[in-house]
C-alpha cells in the first residue's frame, strides 16, 4: 500500500514514540506547497517532488522518492478541488478532508486505511498546521513551521526554511501526512491572501473616503 509504512516491529512495540532527537524533519525548498522539493533534513535525501502544471486545467502532482506519482489534484475556483490518491478514484477534496464546523472551524479530519482518525489544526489565516491522532489530542504527530528570516548580528541575515516535523506515528502514514498538508496549505494560503487583499482594500478605501 502506498500510503503506509510497515509497522509492528519489536522496536516500535517497545518504544512507540520517537525521542525529540529522532524526529523526521522534512524541509521545503522553496516554501511553496504547489511547487517544491521536500528533503529529509538529516540525510539530504529527496523525499517528494511537488509540481503544478498550468494548462487547460491547473493540476498539482506529488511524486515520491522513486518518482512514482502518489497524488494529483485539479484546481477548481468555486467548488472543492478534485484529488486522486495513487491509482484511486478521483474524489473531491472535501470528501476526503472534512472541515469541522463551529466551534472548531480551524480543524480538518481524515482517516487512514486502518480507520484511524486524524485531525489537522491551524486551518486559518496566519496559523500553522499541527496534526493529531484521535487517541492523543495533546501531542501533535506532525508540525509545520513556515520559513522565516534570521537576523544574526555577526553574520548576514539568512532565512530558515519551512519544515514539517513528523514523529513515528506520522511516519506510518507519511504519504498521507504530506499530501493532506500540501492540499490544505495551498488552500489556507489562498484564503490568507484573499483576507489580506480585502483588508488592504478596506484600508485604502477608508483612507480615500476620508480625504
C-alpha atoms as a PDB file:
ATOM      1  CA  UNK A   1       0.000   0.000   0.000  1.00  0.00           C
ATOM      2  CA  UNK A   2       1.357   3.382  -0.993  1.00  0.00           C
ATOM      3  CA  UNK A   3       0.158   5.379   1.953  1.00  0.00           C
ATOM      4  CA  UNK A   4       1.509   3.418   4.937  1.00  0.00           C
ATOM      5  CA  UNK A   5       4.873   2.272   6.147  1.00  0.00           C
ATOM      6  CA  UNK A   6       5.456  -1.128   7.679  1.00  0.00           C
ATOM      7  CA  UNK A   7       4.707  -1.132  11.392  1.00  0.00           C
ATOM      8  CA  UNK A   8       4.720  -3.568  14.265  1.00  0.00           C
ATOM      9  CA  UNK A   9       8.463  -4.180  14.661  1.00  0.00           C
ATOM     10  CA  UNK A  10       9.776  -5.060  18.120  1.00  0.00           C
ATOM     11  CA  UNK A  11      11.371  -1.623  18.390  1.00  0.00           C
ATOM     12  CA  UNK A  12       8.068   0.089  17.646  1.00  0.00           C
ATOM     13  CA  UNK A  13       6.217  -2.070  20.184  1.00  0.00           C
ATOM     14  CA  UNK A  14       8.806  -1.281  22.831  1.00  0.00           C
ATOM     15  CA  UNK A  15       9.210   2.409  22.054  1.00  0.00           C
ATOM     16  CA  UNK A  16       6.037   3.670  20.332  1.00  0.00           C
ATOM     17  CA  UNK A  17       7.130   7.319  20.328  1.00  0.00           C
ATOM     18  CA  UNK A  18      10.237   8.883  18.865  1.00  0.00           C
ATOM     19  CA  UNK A  19      12.512  10.956  21.050  1.00  0.00           C
ATOM     20  CA  UNK A  20      12.827  14.614  20.074  1.00  0.00           C
ATOM     21  CA  UNK A  21      16.225  13.919  18.514  1.00  0.00           C
ATOM     22  CA  UNK A  22      14.733  11.078  16.468  1.00  0.00           C
ATOM     23  CA  UNK A  23      12.028  13.092  14.731  1.00  0.00           C
ATOM     24  CA  UNK A  24      11.876  13.197  10.949  1.00  0.00           C
ATOM     25  CA  UNK A  25      12.214  16.765   9.693  1.00  0.00           C
ATOM     26  CA  UNK A  26      11.192  17.475   6.117  1.00  0.00           C
ATOM     27  CA  UNK A  27      12.499  20.674   4.531  1.00  0.00           C
ATOM     28  CA  UNK A  28      10.554  22.506   1.815  1.00  0.00           C
ATOM     29  CA  UNK A  29      12.689  24.141  -0.878  1.00  0.00           C
ATOM     30  CA  UNK A  30      11.140  26.595  -1.602  1.00  0.00           C
ATOM     31  CA  UNK A  31       8.319  27.303   0.859  1.00  0.00           C
ATOM     32  CA  UNK A  32       5.596  26.743  -1.730  1.00  0.00           C
ATOM     33  CA  UNK A  33       3.035  23.926  -1.343  1.00  0.00           C
ATOM     34  CA  UNK A  34       2.379  23.905  -5.096  1.00  0.00           C
ATOM     35  CA  UNK A  35       5.966  23.748  -6.396  1.00  0.00           C
ATOM     36  CA  UNK A  36       8.644  22.431  -4.063  1.00  0.00           C
ATOM     37  CA  UNK A  37      11.219  19.761  -3.347  1.00  0.00           C
ATOM     38  CA  UNK A  38      10.789  18.089   0.044  1.00  0.00           C
ATOM     39  CA  UNK A  39      14.048  16.875   1.582  1.00  0.00           C
ATOM     40  CA  UNK A  40      14.965  14.818   4.647  1.00  0.00           C
ATOM     41  CA  UNK A  41      16.909  17.363   6.697  1.00  0.00           C
ATOM     42  CA  UNK A  42      19.190  14.735   8.253  1.00  0.00           C
ATOM     43  CA  UNK A  43      20.171  12.750   5.159  1.00  0.00           C
ATOM     44  CA  UNK A  44      19.633  15.292   2.384  1.00  0.00           C
ATOM     45  CA  UNK A  45      17.555  12.712   0.508  1.00  0.00           C
ATOM     46  CA  UNK A  46      14.793  13.981  -1.741  1.00  0.00           C
ATOM     47  CA  UNK A  47      11.573  12.519  -0.329  1.00  0.00           C
ATOM     48  CA  UNK A  48       8.966  14.193  -2.537  1.00  0.00           C
ATOM     49  CA  UNK A  49       8.716  16.410  -5.602  1.00  0.00           C
ATOM     50  CA  UNK A  50       5.714  18.702  -5.996  1.00  0.00           C
ATOM     51  CA  UNK A  51       4.974  20.406  -9.313  1.00  0.00           C
ATOM     52  CA  UNK A  52       1.994  22.308 -10.698  1.00  0.00           C
ATOM     53  CA  UNK A  53       1.095  22.376 -14.386  1.00  0.00           C
ATOM     54  CA  UNK A  54      -0.924  25.278 -15.795  1.00  0.00           C
ATOM     55  CA  UNK A  55      -2.775  24.273 -18.944  1.00  0.00           C
ATOM     56  CA  UNK A  56      -6.420  23.785 -19.803  1.00  0.00           C
ATOM     57  CA  UNK A  57      -6.661  22.765 -16.163  1.00  0.00           C
ATOM     58  CA  UNK A  58      -4.278  23.513 -13.306  1.00  0.00           C
ATOM     59  CA  UNK A  59      -3.036  20.273 -11.755  1.00  0.00           C
ATOM     60  CA  UNK A  60      -0.604  19.711  -8.882  1.00  0.00           C
ATOM     61  CA  UNK A  61       1.240  16.377  -8.793  1.00  0.00           C
ATOM     62  CA  UNK A  62       3.236  14.776  -5.985  1.00  0.00           C
ATOM     63  CA  UNK A  63       5.925  12.180  -6.680  1.00  0.00           C
ATOM     64  CA  UNK A  64       7.754  10.119  -4.078  1.00  0.00           C
ATOM     65  CA  UNK A  65      11.472   9.408  -3.754  1.00  0.00           C
ATOM     66  CA  UNK A  66      11.473   6.847  -6.584  1.00  0.00           C
ATOM     67  CA  UNK A  67       9.459   9.036  -8.935  1.00  0.00           C
ATOM     68  CA  UNK A  68       6.072   7.359  -8.550  1.00  0.00           C
ATOM     69  CA  UNK A  69       3.059   9.656  -8.648  1.00  0.00           C
ATOM     70  CA  UNK A  70       1.260   9.275  -5.314  1.00  0.00           C
ATOM     71  CA  UNK A  71      -1.296  12.054  -5.687  1.00  0.00           C
ATOM     72  CA  UNK A  72      -2.615  14.733  -8.006  1.00  0.00           C
ATOM     73  CA  UNK A  73      -5.353  17.299  -7.667  1.00  0.00           C
ATOM     74  CA  UNK A  74      -7.118  19.521 -10.157  1.00  0.00           C
ATOM     75  CA  UNK A  75      -7.724  23.067  -9.003  1.00  0.00           C
ATOM     76  CA  UNK A  76     -11.230  24.480  -9.093  1.00  0.00           C
ATOM     77  CA  UNK A  77     -12.158  28.093  -8.383  1.00  0.00           C
ATOM     78  CA  UNK A  78     -15.517  27.675  -6.713  1.00  0.00           C
ATOM     79  CA  UNK A  79     -16.034  24.062  -5.725  1.00  0.00           C
ATOM     80  CA  UNK A  80     -13.588  21.772  -3.945  1.00  0.00           C
ATOM     81  CA  UNK A  81     -10.508  20.575  -5.862  1.00  0.00           C
ATOM     82  CA  UNK A  82     -10.629  17.045  -7.299  1.00  0.00           C
ATOM     83  CA  UNK A  83      -7.929  14.761  -5.887  1.00  0.00           C
ATOM     84  CA  UNK A  84      -6.643  11.335  -6.930  1.00  0.00           C
ATOM     85  CA  UNK A  85      -4.625   9.334  -4.395  1.00  0.00           C
ATOM     86  CA  UNK A  86      -2.321   6.851  -6.101  1.00  0.00           C
ATOM     87  CA  UNK A  87      -4.360   4.785  -8.559  1.00  0.00           C
ATOM     88  CA  UNK A  88      -7.581   5.523  -6.720  1.00  0.00           C
ATOM     89  CA  UNK A  89     -10.792   7.085  -7.940  1.00  0.00           C
ATOM     90  CA  UNK A  90     -10.866  10.882  -8.277  1.00  0.00           C
ATOM     91  CA  UNK A  91     -12.876  12.484  -5.499  1.00  0.00           C
ATOM     92  CA  UNK A  92     -13.480  15.947  -4.132  1.00  0.00           C
ATOM     93  CA  UNK A  93     -11.010  17.134  -1.521  1.00  0.00           C
ATOM     94  CA  UNK A  94     -13.908  17.995   0.786  1.00  0.00           C
ATOM     95  CA  UNK A  95     -14.997  14.346   0.767  1.00  0.00           C
ATOM     96  CA  UNK A  96     -11.554  13.173   1.890  1.00  0.00           C
ATOM     97  CA  UNK A  97     -10.574  16.084   4.138  1.00  0.00           C
ATOM     98  CA  UNK A  98     -13.594  17.011   6.206  1.00  0.00           C
ATOM     99  CA  UNK A  99     -13.674  20.523   7.623  1.00  0.00           C
ATOM    100  CA  UNK A 100     -15.105  20.861  11.094  1.00  0.00           C
ATOM    101  CA  UNK A 101     -17.898  23.303  11.811  1.00  0.00           C
ATOM    102  CA  UNK A 102     -18.285  25.644  14.761  1.00  0.00           C
ATOM    103  CA  UNK A 103     -16.788  25.874  17.315  1.00  0.00           C
ATOM    104  CA  UNK A 104     -13.711  24.230  15.722  1.00  0.00           C
ATOM    105  CA  UNK A 105     -13.683  25.886  12.306  1.00  0.00           C
ATOM    106  CA  UNK A 106      -9.890  25.675  12.066  1.00  0.00           C
ATOM    107  CA  UNK A 107      -9.729  21.861  12.066  1.00  0.00           C
ATOM    108  CA  UNK A 108      -9.846  19.242   9.300  1.00  0.00           C
ATOM    109  CA  UNK A 109     -10.148  15.460   9.765  1.00  0.00           C
ATOM    110  CA  UNK A 110      -9.318  12.383   7.686  1.00  0.00           C
ATOM    111  CA  UNK A 111      -8.919   8.616   8.117  1.00  0.00           C
ATOM    112  CA  UNK A 112      -6.113   6.260   7.161  1.00  0.00           C
ATOM    113  CA  UNK A 113      -6.618   2.810   5.620  1.00  0.00           C
ATOM    114  CA  UNK A 114      -6.882   1.270   9.100  1.00  0.00           C
ATOM    115  CA  UNK A 115      -9.739   3.541  10.076  1.00  0.00           C
ATOM    116  CA  UNK A 116      -7.714   5.684  12.470  1.00  0.00           C
ATOM    117  CA  UNK A 117      -8.871   9.287  12.684  1.00  0.00           C
ATOM    118  CA  UNK A 118      -6.501  12.233  12.361  1.00  0.00           C
ATOM    119  CA  UNK A 119      -7.113  15.943  12.802  1.00  0.00           C
ATOM    120  CA  UNK A 120      -5.228  18.905  11.361  1.00  0.00           C
ATOM    121  CA  UNK A 121      -5.458  22.038  13.497  1.00  0.00           C
ATOM    122  CA  UNK A 122      -4.490  25.526  12.339  1.00  0.00           C
ATOM    123  CA  UNK A 123      -6.537  25.767   9.160  1.00  0.00           C
ATOM    124  CA  UNK A 124      -6.909  29.537   9.069  1.00  0.00           C
ATOM    125  CA  UNK A 125      -5.194  32.789   8.024  1.00  0.00           C
ATOM    126  CA  UNK A 126      -1.997  33.435   9.967  1.00  0.00           C
ATOM    127  CA  UNK A 127      -1.996  29.955  11.521  1.00  0.00           C
ATOM    128  CA  UNK A 128       0.372  26.974  11.219  1.00  0.00           C
ATOM    129  CA  UNK A 129      -0.746  23.371  10.871  1.00  0.00           C
ATOM    130  CA  UNK A 130      -0.370  20.684  13.540  1.00  0.00           C
ATOM    131  CA  UNK A 131      -1.629  17.113  13.107  1.00  0.00           C
ATOM    132  CA  UNK A 132      -3.065  14.984  15.914  1.00  0.00           C
ATOM    133  CA  UNK A 133      -4.235  11.386  16.123  1.00  0.00           C
ATOM    134  CA  UNK A 134      -7.643  10.947  17.751  1.00  0.00           C
ATOM    135  CA  UNK A 135      -6.220   8.748  20.523  1.00  0.00           C
ATOM    136  CA  UNK A 136      -3.869  11.539  21.688  1.00  0.00           C
ATOM    137  CA  UNK A 137      -5.282  15.041  21.483  1.00  0.00           C
ATOM    138  CA  UNK A 138      -2.423  16.738  23.344  1.00  0.00           C
ATOM    139  CA  UNK A 139       0.755  15.754  21.459  1.00  0.00           C
ATOM    140  CA  UNK A 140       0.963  16.530  17.724  1.00  0.00           C
ATOM    141  CA  UNK A 141       2.348  13.859  15.413  1.00  0.00           C
ATOM    142  CA  UNK A 142       3.330  16.471  12.804  1.00  0.00           C
ATOM    143  CA  UNK A 143       4.058  20.199  12.972  1.00  0.00           C
ATOM    144  CA  UNK A 144       4.627  22.712  10.187  1.00  0.00           C
ATOM    145  CA  UNK A 145       6.803  25.770  10.633  1.00  0.00           C
ATOM    146  CA  UNK A 146       6.881  28.498   7.988  1.00  0.00           C
ATOM    147  CA  UNK A 147      10.122  29.808   6.534  1.00  0.00           C
ATOM    148  CA  UNK A 148      11.369  32.877   8.349  1.00  0.00           C
ATOM    149  CA  UNK A 149      14.209  35.351   8.242  1.00  0.00           C
ATOM    150  CA  UNK A 150      17.030  35.066  10.761  1.00  0.00           C
ATOM    151  CA  UNK A 151      18.819  38.191  11.918  1.00  0.00           C
ATOM    152  CA  UNK A 152      22.357  37.458  13.093  1.00  0.00           C
ATOM    153  CA  UNK A 153      24.453  40.292  14.452  1.00  0.00           C
ATOM    154  CA  UNK A 154      27.641  38.530  13.362  1.00  0.00           C
ATOM    155  CA  UNK A 155      26.691  37.008  10.028  1.00  0.00           C
ATOM    156  CA  UNK A 156      24.436  38.350   7.333  1.00  0.00           C
ATOM    157  CA  UNK A 157      20.722  37.829   7.787  1.00  0.00           C
ATOM    158  CA  UNK A 158      19.601  34.470   6.438  1.00  0.00           C
ATOM    159  CA  UNK A 159      16.393  32.512   6.093  1.00  0.00           C
ATOM    160  CA  UNK A 160      15.309  29.388   7.946  1.00  0.00           C
ATOM    161  CA  UNK A 161      13.460  27.092   5.538  1.00  0.00           C
ATOM    162  CA  UNK A 162       9.934  25.814   6.031  1.00  0.00           C
ATOM    163  CA  UNK A 163       9.806  22.434   7.772  1.00  0.00           C
ATOM    164  CA  UNK A 164       7.335  19.675   8.559  1.00  0.00           C
ATOM    165  CA  UNK A 165       8.436  17.680  11.611  1.00  0.00           C
ATOM    166  CA  UNK A 166       6.935  14.199  11.990  1.00  0.00           C
ATOM    167  CA  UNK A 167       7.100  11.576  14.761  1.00  0.00           C
ATOM    168  CA  UNK A 168       6.907   7.795  14.333  1.00  0.00           C
ATOM    169  CA  UNK A 169       3.113   7.688  14.165  1.00  0.00           C
ATOM    170  CA  UNK A 170       3.174  10.293  11.435  1.00  0.00           C
ATOM    171  CA  UNK A 171       5.814   8.298   9.562  1.00  0.00           C
ATOM    172  CA  UNK A 172       3.456   5.309   9.433  1.00  0.00           C
ATOM    173  CA  UNK A 173       1.211   7.371   7.138  1.00  0.00           C
ATOM    174  CA  UNK A 174       3.848   9.771   5.835  1.00  0.00           C
ATOM    175  CA  UNK A 175       2.425   9.985   2.318  1.00  0.00           C
ATOM    176  CA  UNK A 176      -0.988  10.916   3.682  1.00  0.00           C
ATOM    177  CA  UNK A 177       0.523  13.449   6.074  1.00  0.00           C
ATOM    178  CA  UNK A 178       2.441  15.187   3.291  1.00  0.00           C
ATOM    179  CA  UNK A 179      -0.369  15.082   0.721  1.00  0.00           C
ATOM    180  CA  UNK A 180      -3.052  16.332   3.102  1.00  0.00           C
ATOM    181  CA  UNK A 181      -0.749  19.079   4.346  1.00  0.00           C
ATOM    182  CA  UNK A 182       0.064  20.278   0.814  1.00  0.00           C
ATOM    183  CA  UNK A 183      -3.610  20.395  -0.174  1.00  0.00           C
ATOM    184  CA  UNK A 184      -4.648  22.244   2.979  1.00  0.00           C
ATOM    185  CA  UNK A 185      -1.718  24.672   2.996  1.00  0.00           C
ATOM    186  CA  UNK A 186      -2.384  25.610  -0.626  1.00  0.00           C
ATOM    187  CA  UNK A 187      -5.991  26.434   0.264  1.00  0.00           C
ATOM    188  CA  UNK A 188      -5.051  28.158   3.536  1.00  0.00           C
ATOM    189  CA  UNK A 189      -2.591  30.470   1.786  1.00  0.00           C
ATOM    190  CA  UNK A 190      -5.173  31.313  -0.848  1.00  0.00           C
ATOM    191  CA  UNK A 191      -7.640  32.278   1.863  1.00  0.00           C
ATOM    192  CA  UNK A 192      -4.945  34.201   3.720  1.00  0.00           C
ATOM    193  CA  UNK A 193      -4.053  36.192   0.603  1.00  0.00           C
ATOM    194  CA  UNK A 194      -7.710  36.984  -0.078  1.00  0.00           C
ATOM    195  CA  UNK A 195      -8.179  38.123   3.520  1.00  0.00           C
ATOM    196  CA  UNK A 196      -5.147  40.409   3.322  1.00  0.00           C
ATOM    197  CA  UNK A 197      -6.263  41.837  -0.011  1.00  0.00           C
ATOM    198  CA  UNK A 198      -9.710  42.604   1.370  1.00  0.00           C
ATOM    199  CA  UNK A 199      -8.193  44.214   4.455  1.00  0.00           C
ATOM    200  CA  UNK A 200      -5.873  46.368   2.345  1.00  0.00           C
ATOM    201  CA  UNK A 201      -8.730  47.325   0.057  1.00  0.00           C
ATOM    202  CA  UNK A 202     -10.859  48.354   3.005  1.00  0.00           C
ATOM    203  CA  UNK A 203      -7.996  50.354   4.500  1.00  0.00           C
ATOM    204  CA  UNK A 204      -7.261  52.236   1.285  1.00  0.00           C
ATOM    205  CA  UNK A 205     -10.953  52.714   0.640  1.00  0.00           C
ATOM    206  CA  UNK A 206     -11.437  54.190   4.081  1.00  0.00           C
ATOM    207  CA  UNK A 207      -8.435  56.467   3.627  1.00  0.00           C
ATOM    208  CA  UNK A 208      -9.698  57.735   0.288  1.00  0.00           C
ATOM    209  CA  UNK A 209     -13.152  58.318   1.678  1.00  0.00           C
ATOM    210  CA  UNK A 210     -11.716  60.449   4.435  1.00  0.00           C
ATOM    211  CA  UNK A 211      -9.752  62.734   2.134  1.00  0.00           C
END
